[in-house]
Amino acid sequence: MPTETLQSDAQESPPLNEPPKSNRNIFLFVVIAAVAGVIVLGIVLSSGRSEPTSAARPTAVTAPSNAAPPPKVLPKGSPAPPLAGPDVVNGQDFNLESYKGKPTLVAFWSSTCSHCLTSMPGIEQLYKQSGSKYNFVSVGSGQKINAPPPYDSPEAFIKHAGLTMPTLLNGPDNQIGSEWGVRSSPNFFILDKDLKVVEKVEGAVPLSILQSKLQAVAAAS
């Protein structure tokens, strides 16, 4: 009789290696939560890499329709652009066409350019020394501004540089400069006897270089 009681108790006790039911529920909840977290993280990352909407995308900036065209480029051998207008130094009308038959130096300067102020007195000296061998004309840019003389106006610049050669003034729209492809000052153009471009010299250069270029053009004519 005691033996039967012991066997009955052994059949009713759970196996030793089976975890309690409450522990299985906790483990299942942790797994589900981890999977859900991975899914949510993937959604967040993918939305962060999404393409911006059309409203957020930068738009190209277009130049206004009335913007000034870029200056032209005068190839070597091309005819010089027209150059005519009032000669503010001598009080006469000037036309480049009257310079045909001799090498010509066209000098562009600005009244606010310090390099121009040091270069143009030398050009004036070369103009006086050359006599009738070469032709010279200068084209000035600038307007009256609040600055120390002679940078305050083209007229003050002309007086300070002592210019007596024919001189035209470029308008505020830089029309002459644009036609000649002038972006800065000083600029010098060497023309042959047919008023075709031989060379463009940009920036302040020694006077001897410009003189030698004029001599070379005269020798080749």
C-alpha atoms as a PDB file:
ATOM      1  CA  MET A   1       0.000   0.000   0.000  1.00  0.00           C
ATOM      2  CA  PRO A   2       2.694   2.660   0.697  1.00  0.00           C
ATOM      3  CA  THR A   3       4.382   1.685  -2.528  1.00  0.00           C
ATOM      4  CA  GLU A   4       1.337   2.686  -4.662  1.00  0.00           C
ATOM      5  CA  THR A   5       1.183   6.142  -3.046  1.00  0.00           C
ATOM      6  CA  LEU A   6       4.808   6.953  -3.964  1.00  0.00           C
ATOM      7  CA  GLN A   7       4.264   6.015  -7.602  1.00  0.00           C
ATOM      8  CA  SER A   8       1.202   8.258  -7.881  1.00  0.00           C
ATOM      9  CA  ASP A   9       3.094  11.258  -6.478  1.00  0.00           C
ATOM     10  CA  ALA A  10       5.937  10.787  -8.950  1.00  0.00           C
ATOM     11  CA  GLN A  11       3.589  10.795 -11.972  1.00  0.00           C
ATOM     12  CA  GLU A  12       1.969  14.113 -10.959  1.00  0.00           C
ATOM     13  CA  SER A  13       5.233  16.159 -10.486  1.00  0.00           C
ATOM     14  CA  PRO A  14       6.446  18.140 -13.639  1.00  0.00           C
ATOM     15  CA  PRO A  15       9.681  17.236 -15.427  1.00  0.00           C
ATOM     16  CA  LEU A  16      12.756  18.893 -13.930  1.00  0.00           C
ATOM     17  CA  ASN A  17      14.024  20.381 -17.329  1.00  0.00           C
ATOM     18  CA  GLU A  18      10.766  22.161 -18.335  1.00  0.00           C
ATOM     19  CA  PRO A  19      10.830  25.988 -17.528  1.00  0.00           C
ATOM     20  CA  PRO A  20       7.923  27.492 -15.687  1.00  0.00           C
ATOM     21  CA  LYS A  21       5.082  28.839 -17.839  1.00  0.00           C
ATOM     22  CA  SER A  22       5.585  32.459 -16.653  1.00  0.00           C
ATOM     23  CA  ASN A  23       9.210  32.464 -17.873  1.00  0.00           C
ATOM     24  CA  ARG A  24       8.139  31.323 -21.346  1.00  0.00           C
ATOM     25  CA  ASN A  25       5.693  34.254 -21.588  1.00  0.00           C
ATOM     26  CA  ILE A  26       8.399  36.797 -20.645  1.00  0.00           C
ATOM     27  CA  PHE A  27      10.855  35.371 -23.231  1.00  0.00           C
ATOM     28  CA  LEU A  28       8.191  35.483 -25.974  1.00  0.00           C
ATOM     29  CA  PHE A  29       7.349  39.127 -25.139  1.00  0.00           C
ATOM     30  CA  VAL A  30      11.042  40.143 -25.351  1.00  0.00           C
ATOM     31  CA  VAL A  31      11.433  38.503 -28.780  1.00  0.00           C
ATOM     32  CA  ILE A  32       8.313  40.197 -30.153  1.00  0.00           C
ATOM     33  CA  ALA A  33       9.417  43.585 -28.796  1.00  0.00           C
ATOM     34  CA  ALA A  34      12.884  43.232 -30.364  1.00  0.00           C
ATOM     35  CA  VAL A  35      11.451  42.351 -33.768  1.00  0.00           C
ATOM     36  CA  ALA A  36       9.038  45.290 -33.605  1.00  0.00           C
ATOM     37  CA  GLY A  37      11.920  47.630 -32.667  1.00  0.00           C
ATOM     38  CA  VAL A  38      13.958  46.500 -35.687  1.00  0.00           C
ATOM     39  CA  ILE A  39      10.977  47.093 -37.993  1.00  0.00           C
ATOM     40  CA  VAL A  40      10.370  50.611 -36.608  1.00  0.00           C
ATOM     41  CA  LEU A  41      14.084  51.510 -36.892  1.00  0.00           C
ATOM     42  CA  GLY A  42      14.120  50.392 -40.534  1.00  0.00           C
ATOM     43  CA  ILE A  43      11.117  52.565 -41.339  1.00  0.00           C
ATOM     44  CA  VAL A  44      12.698  55.619 -39.685  1.00  0.00           C
ATOM     45  CA  LEU A  45      16.022  55.209 -41.526  1.00  0.00           C
ATOM     46  CA  SER A  46      14.380  54.679 -44.913  1.00  0.00           C
ATOM     47  CA  SER A  47      12.216  57.770 -44.496  1.00  0.00           C
ATOM     48  CA  GLY A  48      15.306  59.846 -43.617  1.00  0.00           C
ATOM     49  CA  ARG A  49      16.972  58.882 -46.930  1.00  0.00           C
ATOM     50  CA  SER A  50      13.953  59.641 -49.059  1.00  0.00           C
ATOM     51  CA  GLU A  51      14.295  62.111 -51.936  1.00  0.00           C
ATOM     52  CA  PRO A  52      13.385  65.714 -51.097  1.00  0.00           C
ATOM     53  CA  THR A  53      10.161  67.012 -52.468  1.00  0.00           C
ATOM     54  CA  SER A  54      10.148  69.389 -55.404  1.00  0.00           C
ATOM     55  CA  ALA A  55       9.527  72.283 -53.026  1.00  0.00           C
ATOM     56  CA  ALA A  56      12.678  71.478 -51.023  1.00  0.00           C
ATOM     57  CA  ARG A  57      14.962  70.967 -54.024  1.00  0.00           C
ATOM     58  CA  PRO A  58      17.178  73.946 -54.944  1.00  0.00           C
ATOM     59  CA  THR A  59      16.197  75.684 -58.145  1.00  0.00           C
ATOM     60  CA  ALA A  60      18.618  77.018 -60.741  1.00  0.00           C
ATOM     61  CA  VAL A  61      19.146  80.768 -60.688  1.00  0.00           C
ATOM     62  CA  THR A  62      18.700  82.300 -64.117  1.00  0.00           C
ATOM     63  CA  ALA A  63      20.201  85.606 -65.135  1.00  0.00           C
ATOM     64  CA  PRO A  64      17.730  88.417 -65.695  1.00  0.00           C
ATOM     65  CA  SER A  65      16.760  88.946 -69.292  1.00  0.00           C
ATOM     66  CA  ASN A  66      18.150  92.495 -69.266  1.00  0.00           C
ATOM     67  CA  ALA A  67      21.640  91.451 -68.076  1.00  0.00           C
ATOM     68  CA  ALA A  68      24.513  92.963 -70.076  1.00  0.00           C
ATOM     69  CA  PRO A  69      26.088  90.534 -72.565  1.00  0.00           C
ATOM     70  CA  PRO A  70      29.641  89.397 -71.847  1.00  0.00           C
ATOM     71  CA  PRO A  71      32.408  91.346 -73.571  1.00  0.00           C
ATOM     72  CA  LYS A  72      33.402  90.139 -77.019  1.00  0.00           C
ATOM     73  CA  VAL A  73      36.729  88.550 -77.845  1.00  0.00           C
ATOM     74  CA  LEU A  74      38.600  90.092 -80.761  1.00  0.00           C
ATOM     75  CA  PRO A  75      40.659  87.422 -82.540  1.00  0.00           C
ATOM     76  CA  LYS A  76      43.975  88.366 -84.058  1.00  0.00           C
ATOM     77  CA  GLY A  77      43.459  89.680 -87.584  1.00  0.00           C
ATOM     78  CA  SER A  78      39.857  90.708 -87.022  1.00  0.00           C
ATOM     79  CA  PRO A  79      38.758  94.229 -87.980  1.00  0.00           C
ATOM     80  CA  ALA A  80      38.733  96.678 -85.102  1.00  0.00           C
ATOM     81  CA  PRO A  81      35.215  97.587 -83.931  1.00  0.00           C
ATOM     82  CA  PRO A  82      33.897 101.045 -84.812  1.00  0.00           C
ATOM     83  CA  LEU A  83      35.229 103.782 -82.581  1.00  0.00           C
ATOM     84  CA  ALA A  84      33.757 107.235 -83.006  1.00  0.00           C
ATOM     85  CA  GLY A  85      32.540 110.056 -80.821  1.00  0.00           C
ATOM     86  CA  PRO A  86      33.446 113.396 -79.268  1.00  0.00           C
ATOM     87  CA  ASP A  87      37.142 113.935 -78.560  1.00  0.00           C
ATOM     88  CA  VAL A  88      36.881 115.421 -75.049  1.00  0.00           C
ATOM     89  CA  VAL A  89      40.490 116.647 -75.114  1.00  0.00           C
ATOM     90  CA  ASN A  90      40.578 118.479 -78.435  1.00  0.00           C
ATOM     91  CA  GLY A  91      36.900 119.331 -78.794  1.00  0.00           C
ATOM     92  CA  GLN A  92      36.523 117.599 -82.153  1.00  0.00           C
ATOM     93  CA  ASP A  93      34.670 114.587 -83.519  1.00  0.00           C
ATOM     94  CA  PHE A  94      36.819 111.478 -83.730  1.00  0.00           C
ATOM     95  CA  ASN A  95      36.500 108.485 -86.036  1.00  0.00           C
ATOM     96  CA  LEU A  96      38.942 105.580 -86.054  1.00  0.00           C
ATOM     97  CA  GLU A  97      38.449 105.203 -89.803  1.00  0.00           C
ATOM     98  CA  SER A  98      40.587 108.309 -90.284  1.00  0.00           C
ATOM     99  CA  TYR A  99      43.566 106.388 -88.858  1.00  0.00           C
ATOM    100  CA  LYS A 100      43.907 103.984 -91.769  1.00  0.00           C
ATOM    101  CA  GLY A 101      47.385 103.812 -93.276  1.00  0.00           C
ATOM    102  CA  LYS A 102      49.463 103.750 -90.051  1.00  0.00           C
ATOM    103  CA  PRO A 103      49.914 101.438 -87.047  1.00  0.00           C
ATOM    104  CA  THR A 104      47.609 102.504 -84.229  1.00  0.00           C
ATOM    105  CA  LEU A 105      47.656 102.156 -80.459  1.00  0.00           C
ATOM    106  CA  VAL A 106      44.261 102.209 -78.704  1.00  0.00           C
ATOM    107  CA  ALA A 107      44.601 102.635 -74.929  1.00  0.00           C
ATOM    108  CA  PHE A 108      41.728 101.872 -72.518  1.00  0.00           C
ATOM    109  CA  TRP A 109      41.904 103.328 -69.010  1.00  0.00           C
ATOM    110  CA  SER A 110      39.690 103.956 -65.996  1.00  0.00           C
ATOM    111  CA  SER A 111      39.735 107.017 -63.765  1.00  0.00           C
ATOM    112  CA  THR A 112      39.704 104.804 -60.640  1.00  0.00           C
ATOM    113  CA  CYS A 113      42.638 102.645 -61.798  1.00  0.00           C
ATOM    114  CA  SER A 114      46.002 103.367 -60.146  1.00  0.00           C
ATOM    115  CA  HIS A 115      47.900 101.320 -62.767  1.00  0.00           C
ATOM    116  CA  CYS A 116      46.263 103.421 -65.471  1.00  0.00           C
ATOM    117  CA  LEU A 117      47.433 106.585 -63.768  1.00  0.00           C
ATOM    118  CA  THR A 118      51.032 105.363 -63.874  1.00  0.00           C
ATOM    119  CA  SER A 119      50.773 104.030 -67.456  1.00  0.00           C
ATOM    120  CA  MET A 120      48.987 106.785 -69.349  1.00  0.00           C
ATOM    121  CA  PRO A 121      51.590 109.572 -68.841  1.00  0.00           C
ATOM    122  CA  GLY A 122      54.100 107.257 -70.547  1.00  0.00           C
ATOM    123  CA  ILE A 123      51.667 106.603 -73.414  1.00  0.00           C
ATOM    124  CA  GLU A 124      51.254 110.358 -73.799  1.00  0.00           C
ATOM    125  CA  GLN A 125      55.050 110.737 -73.926  1.00  0.00           C
ATOM    126  CA  LEU A 126      55.275 108.050 -76.624  1.00  0.00           C
ATOM    127  CA  TYR A 127      52.493 109.810 -78.548  1.00  0.00           C
ATOM    128  CA  LYS A 128      54.450 113.075 -78.577  1.00  0.00           C
ATOM    129  CA  GLN A 129      57.778 111.413 -79.439  1.00  0.00           C
ATOM    130  CA  SER A 130      56.364 109.325 -82.301  1.00  0.00           C
ATOM    131  CA  GLY A 131      55.260 112.322 -84.332  1.00  0.00           C
ATOM    132  CA  SER A 132      53.458 111.128 -87.444  1.00  0.00           C
ATOM    133  CA  LYS A 133      54.779 107.541 -87.447  1.00  0.00           C
ATOM    134  CA  TYR A 134      51.921 106.057 -85.396  1.00  0.00           C
ATOM    135  CA  ASN A 135      48.381 106.941 -84.429  1.00  0.00           C
ATOM    136  CA  PHE A 136      47.155 107.092 -80.841  1.00  0.00           C
ATOM    137  CA  VAL A 137      43.720 107.288 -79.216  1.00  0.00           C
ATOM    138  CA  SER A 138      42.637 106.695 -75.617  1.00  0.00           C
ATOM    139  CA  VAL A 139      39.269 105.594 -74.276  1.00  0.00           C
ATOM    140  CA  GLY A 140      38.497 106.491 -70.668  1.00  0.00           C
ATOM    141  CA  SER A 141      35.899 105.068 -68.296  1.00  0.00           C
ATOM    142  CA  GLY A 142      34.545 106.427 -65.045  1.00  0.00           C
ATOM    143  CA  GLN A 143      32.242 109.019 -63.569  1.00  0.00           C
ATOM    144  CA  LYS A 144      32.384 111.703 -60.941  1.00  0.00           C
ATOM    145  CA  ILE A 145      32.634 110.053 -57.513  1.00  0.00           C
ATOM    146  CA  ASN A 146      33.542 111.016 -53.966  1.00  0.00           C
ATOM    147  CA  ALA A 147      37.234 110.127 -54.067  1.00  0.00           C
ATOM    148  CA  PRO A 148      40.557 111.962 -53.762  1.00  0.00           C
ATOM    149  CA  PRO A 149      41.749 113.617 -57.002  1.00  0.00           C
ATOM    150  CA  PRO A 150      42.576 112.560 -59.649  1.00  0.00           C
ATOM    151  CA  TYR A 151      40.421 109.469 -59.105  1.00  0.00           C
ATOM    152  CA  ASP A 152      37.220 111.481 -58.617  1.00  0.00           C
ATOM    153  CA  SER A 153      36.421 111.967 -62.340  1.00  0.00           C
ATOM    154  CA  PRO A 154      37.696 111.204 -65.868  1.00  0.00           C
ATOM    155  CA  GLU A 155      38.313 114.921 -66.398  1.00  0.00           C
ATOM    156  CA  ALA A 156      40.611 115.068 -63.376  1.00  0.00           C
ATOM    157  CA  PHE A 157      42.405 111.945 -64.585  1.00  0.00           C
ATOM    158  CA  ILE A 158      42.982 113.474 -68.039  1.00  0.00           C
ATOM    159  CA  LYS A 159      44.413 116.626 -66.489  1.00  0.00           C
ATOM    160  CA  HIS A 160      46.673 114.748 -64.068  1.00  0.00           C
ATOM    161  CA  ALA A 161      47.991 112.404 -66.797  1.00  0.00           C
ATOM    162  CA  GLY A 162      48.537 115.361 -69.126  1.00  0.00           C
ATOM    163  CA  LEU A 163      46.712 113.758 -72.043  1.00  0.00           C
ATOM    164  CA  THR A 164      46.706 115.670 -75.323  1.00  0.00           C
ATOM    165  CA  MET A 165      46.039 112.692 -77.627  1.00  0.00           C
ATOM    166  CA  PRO A 166      42.489 112.177 -78.954  1.00  0.00           C
ATOM    167  CA  THR A 167      40.398 110.793 -76.075  1.00  0.00           C
ATOM    168  CA  LEU A 168      36.876 109.386 -75.988  1.00  0.00           C
ATOM    169  CA  LEU A 169      34.856 108.597 -72.877  1.00  0.00           C
ATOM    170  CA  ASN A 170      33.144 105.255 -72.454  1.00  0.00           C
ATOM    171  CA  GLY A 171      29.518 105.449 -71.342  1.00  0.00           C
ATOM    172  CA  PRO A 172      28.221 104.101 -68.005  1.00  0.00           C
ATOM    173  CA  ASP A 173      26.937 101.029 -69.854  1.00  0.00           C
ATOM    174  CA  ASN A 174      30.504 100.217 -71.022  1.00  0.00           C
ATOM    175  CA  GLN A 175      29.307 100.010 -74.618  1.00  0.00           C
ATOM    176  CA  ILE A 176      32.728 100.710 -76.156  1.00  0.00           C
ATOM    177  CA  GLY A 177      34.495  98.377 -73.737  1.00  0.00           C
ATOM    178  CA  SER A 178      32.062  95.558 -74.475  1.00  0.00           C
ATOM    179  CA  GLU A 179      32.514  95.937 -78.235  1.00  0.00           C
ATOM    180  CA  TRP A 180      36.283  95.780 -77.837  1.00  0.00           C
ATOM    181  CA  GLY A 181      36.247  92.915 -75.318  1.00  0.00           C
ATOM    182  CA  VAL A 182      37.706  95.009 -72.483  1.00  0.00           C
ATOM    183  CA  ARG A 183      37.091  93.552 -69.025  1.00  0.00           C
ATOM    184  CA  SER A 184      39.659  95.527 -67.022  1.00  0.00           C
ATOM    185  CA  SER A 185      42.091  98.419 -67.284  1.00  0.00           C
ATOM    186  CA  PRO A 186      44.545  99.282 -68.574  1.00  0.00           C
ATOM    187  CA  ASN A 187      44.187  97.498 -71.929  1.00  0.00           C
ATOM    188  CA  PHE A 188      46.072  98.262 -75.130  1.00  0.00           C
ATOM    189  CA  PHE A 189      45.324  97.260 -78.719  1.00  0.00           C
ATOM    190  CA  ILE A 190      47.914  97.290 -81.480  1.00  0.00           C
ATOM    191  CA  LEU A 191      46.284  97.744 -84.911  1.00  0.00           C
ATOM    192  CA  ASP A 192      47.926  97.475 -88.318  1.00  0.00           C
ATOM    193  CA  LYS A 193      47.571 100.040 -91.130  1.00  0.00           C
ATOM    194  CA  ASP A 194      44.269  98.411 -92.157  1.00  0.00           C
ATOM    195  CA  LEU A 195      42.906  98.764 -88.591  1.00  0.00           C
ATOM    196  CA  LYS A 196      43.004  95.027 -87.965  1.00  0.00           C
ATOM    197  CA  VAL A 197      43.867  93.673 -84.526  1.00  0.00           C
ATOM    198  CA  VAL A 198      47.504  92.610 -84.276  1.00  0.00           C
ATOM    199  CA  GLU A 199      47.656  92.103 -80.511  1.00  0.00           C
ATOM    200  CA  LYS A 200      45.867  92.883 -77.266  1.00  0.00           C
ATOM    201  CA  VAL A 201      48.047  93.729 -74.251  1.00  0.00           C
ATOM    202  CA  GLU A 202      46.360  93.551 -70.847  1.00  0.00           C
ATOM    203  CA  GLY A 203      47.607  95.279 -67.725  1.00  0.00           C
ATOM    204  CA  ALA A 204      50.404  97.736 -67.074  1.00  0.00           C
ATOM    205  CA  VAL A 205      53.469  96.923 -69.191  1.00  0.00           C
ATOM    206  CA  PRO A 206      56.771  98.728 -69.783  1.00  0.00           C
ATOM    207  CA  LEU A 207      56.521 101.462 -72.363  1.00  0.00           C
ATOM    208  CA  SER A 208      59.374  99.911 -74.350  1.00  0.00           C
ATOM    209  CA  ILE A 209      57.261  96.803 -75.028  1.00  0.00           C
ATOM    210  CA  LEU A 210      54.421  98.790 -76.606  1.00  0.00           C
ATOM    211  CA  GLN A 211      56.920 100.827 -78.601  1.00  0.00           C
ATOM    212  CA  SER A 212      58.647  97.717 -79.956  1.00  0.00           C
ATOM    213  CA  LYS A 213      55.290  96.228 -80.966  1.00  0.00           C
ATOM    214  CA  LEU A 214      54.376  99.365 -82.910  1.00  0.00           C
ATOM    215  CA  GLN A 215      57.791  99.280 -84.614  1.00  0.00           C
ATOM    216  CA  ALA A 216      57.290  95.634 -85.577  1.00  0.00           C
ATOM    217  CA  VAL A 217      53.890  96.387 -87.127  1.00  0.00           C
ATOM    218  CA  ALA A 218      55.338  99.337 -89.046  1.00  0.00           C
ATOM    219  CA  ALA A 219      58.204  97.188 -90.360  1.00  0.00           C
ATOM    220  CA  ALA A 220      55.783  94.499 -91.543  1.00  0.00           C
ATOM    221  CA  SER A 221      53.567  96.981 -93.400  1.00  0.00           C
END
